[in-house]
Amino acid sequence: MFNFNKKLTAIAFSTLIATGGTLPVVAAQAQTPAEKLCRLRPGINPVCTVLVTARVGVNIRSGPGSNYKKIGTIPYQYDVNVRVRKSSRDWVKLADAPGWIHSKHLQMAGD
């Protein structure tokens, strides 16, 4: 069967009681703006659907930065699937096409 460390189990149980049944989220402090946009949790596929909030639309770049070549635009209120990479910080990669967009012009679609 299972072999539990009684001392660690007691500490974990005490933590759950003290926090009202929830564990503090330490990983959220280290999240990039793009990860926060998609409300990612560890072990979850880093793809989400977002909505363009910039009234003039958003530029699609060939890489994760404004110094990369503009390769297209996505219009206002358009929803698109994006992939988040921790190394790209504020930028998200289009999941179904080439290109990158800045996360400040987006909001998560749905819940």
Protein backbone atom coordinates (compact mmCIF):
# COMPACT_ATOMS: atom_id res chain seq x y z
CA MET A 1 0.00 0.00 0.00
CA PHE A 2 1.05 3.58 0.55
CA ASN A 3 3.93 4.54 2.80
CA PHE A 4 3.35 8.08 4.14
CA ASN A 5 5.76 10.22 6.11
CA LYS A 6 3.60 10.93 9.19
CA LYS A 7 5.33 14.23 10.04
CA LEU A 8 4.95 15.66 6.50
CA THR A 9 1.37 14.43 6.27
CA ALA A 10 0.53 16.19 9.55
CA ILE A 11 2.12 19.44 8.32
CA ALA A 12 0.20 19.27 5.03
CA PHE A 13 -3.06 18.57 6.85
CA SER A 14 -2.43 21.45 9.29
CA THR A 15 -1.75 23.76 6.34
CA LEU A 16 -5.05 22.81 4.71
CA ILE A 17 -6.94 23.49 7.94
CA ALA A 18 -5.18 26.83 8.54
CA THR A 19 -5.86 28.05 4.98
CA GLY A 20 -9.49 26.98 4.96
CA GLY A 21 -8.88 24.09 2.57
CA THR A 22 -6.89 25.98 -0.03
CA LEU A 23 -3.19 25.98 -0.62
CA PRO A 24 -1.36 29.24 -1.31
CA VAL A 25 -0.46 29.71 -4.97
CA VAL A 26 3.27 30.33 -5.07
CA ALA A 27 3.66 29.75 -8.83
CA ALA A 28 1.37 32.70 -9.66
CA GLN A 29 4.00 35.14 -8.38
CA ALA A 30 6.47 33.97 -11.00
CA GLN A 31 4.02 34.02 -13.92
CA THR A 32 4.72 36.15 -16.97
CA PRO A 33 2.05 38.60 -18.24
CA ALA A 34 1.23 36.16 -21.04
CA GLU A 35 0.77 33.29 -18.54
CA LYS A 36 -1.53 35.47 -16.43
CA LEU A 37 -3.55 36.34 -19.55
CA CYS A 38 -4.34 32.67 -20.11
CA ARG A 39 -4.66 31.93 -16.37
CA LEU A 40 -2.34 28.97 -16.76
CA ARG A 41 -1.85 26.39 -14.05
CA PRO A 42 0.98 23.85 -13.85
CA GLY A 43 0.31 20.83 -16.05
CA ILE A 44 -2.25 22.62 -18.23
CA ASN A 45 -1.73 22.85 -22.00
CA PRO A 46 -0.41 26.40 -22.65
CA VAL A 47 -3.01 27.23 -25.33
CA CYS A 48 -5.99 29.50 -24.75
CA THR A 49 -8.47 31.60 -26.72
CA VAL A 50 -8.09 35.37 -26.43
CA LEU A 51 -9.96 38.39 -27.71
CA VAL A 52 -8.30 41.45 -29.33
CA THR A 53 -9.15 44.53 -27.23
CA ALA A 54 -7.18 47.21 -29.13
CA ARG A 55 -9.66 49.24 -31.21
CA VAL A 56 -7.18 49.49 -34.09
CA GLY A 57 -6.45 45.77 -33.95
CA VAL A 58 -3.12 44.19 -33.13
CA ASN A 59 -0.02 43.62 -35.24
CA ILE A 60 1.24 40.11 -35.87
CA ARG A 61 5.04 39.98 -35.70
CA SER A 62 7.45 37.36 -37.04
CA GLY A 63 8.96 36.96 -33.55
CA PRO A 64 8.28 37.87 -29.91
CA GLY A 65 9.17 41.57 -29.98
CA SER A 66 8.29 44.87 -31.65
CA ASN A 67 11.66 44.78 -33.42
CA TYR A 68 10.49 41.79 -35.50
CA LYS A 69 8.90 42.27 -38.92
CA LYS A 70 5.14 42.98 -39.05
CA ILE A 71 3.52 40.12 -40.99
CA GLY A 72 -0.17 40.92 -40.52
CA THR A 73 -2.90 42.25 -38.24
CA ILE A 74 -5.81 40.87 -36.26
CA PRO A 75 -8.88 43.13 -36.07
CA TYR A 76 -10.64 44.44 -32.96
CA GLN A 77 -12.93 41.95 -31.16
CA TYR A 78 -11.49 39.00 -33.11
CA ASP A 79 -10.80 35.85 -31.11
CA VAL A 80 -7.75 33.71 -31.72
CA ASN A 81 -5.99 30.72 -30.16
CA VAL A 82 -2.56 31.50 -28.74
CA ARG A 83 0.26 29.46 -27.23
CA VAL A 84 2.13 30.80 -24.23
CA ARG A 85 5.86 30.32 -23.73
CA LYS A 86 7.48 31.39 -20.48
CA SER A 87 10.56 32.71 -22.31
CA SER A 88 8.53 35.17 -24.41
CA ARG A 89 7.21 37.12 -21.36
CA ASP A 90 4.66 39.61 -22.81
CA TRP A 91 4.27 37.95 -26.20
CA VAL A 92 2.06 35.02 -27.22
CA LYS A 93 2.45 32.84 -30.30
CA LEU A 94 -0.49 32.20 -32.58
CA ALA A 95 -1.43 28.55 -32.11
CA ASP A 96 -2.80 27.92 -35.61
CA ALA A 97 -0.63 30.21 -37.76
CA PRO A 98 2.84 31.75 -37.80
CA GLY A 99 3.30 34.94 -35.81
CA TRP A 100 3.38 36.58 -32.39
CA ILE A 101 1.19 39.24 -30.74
CA HIS A 102 1.67 41.35 -27.62
CA SER A 103 -0.47 40.27 -24.65
CA LYS A 104 -1.36 43.83 -23.57
CA HIS A 105 -3.80 44.06 -26.51
CA LEU A 106 -5.66 40.89 -25.49
CA GLN A 107 -8.02 39.51 -22.89
CA MET A 108 -8.97 35.93 -22.20
CA ALA A 109 -12.17 34.88 -23.95
CA GLY A 110 -14.75 33.10 -21.80
CA ASP A 111 -14.32 32.03 -18.21
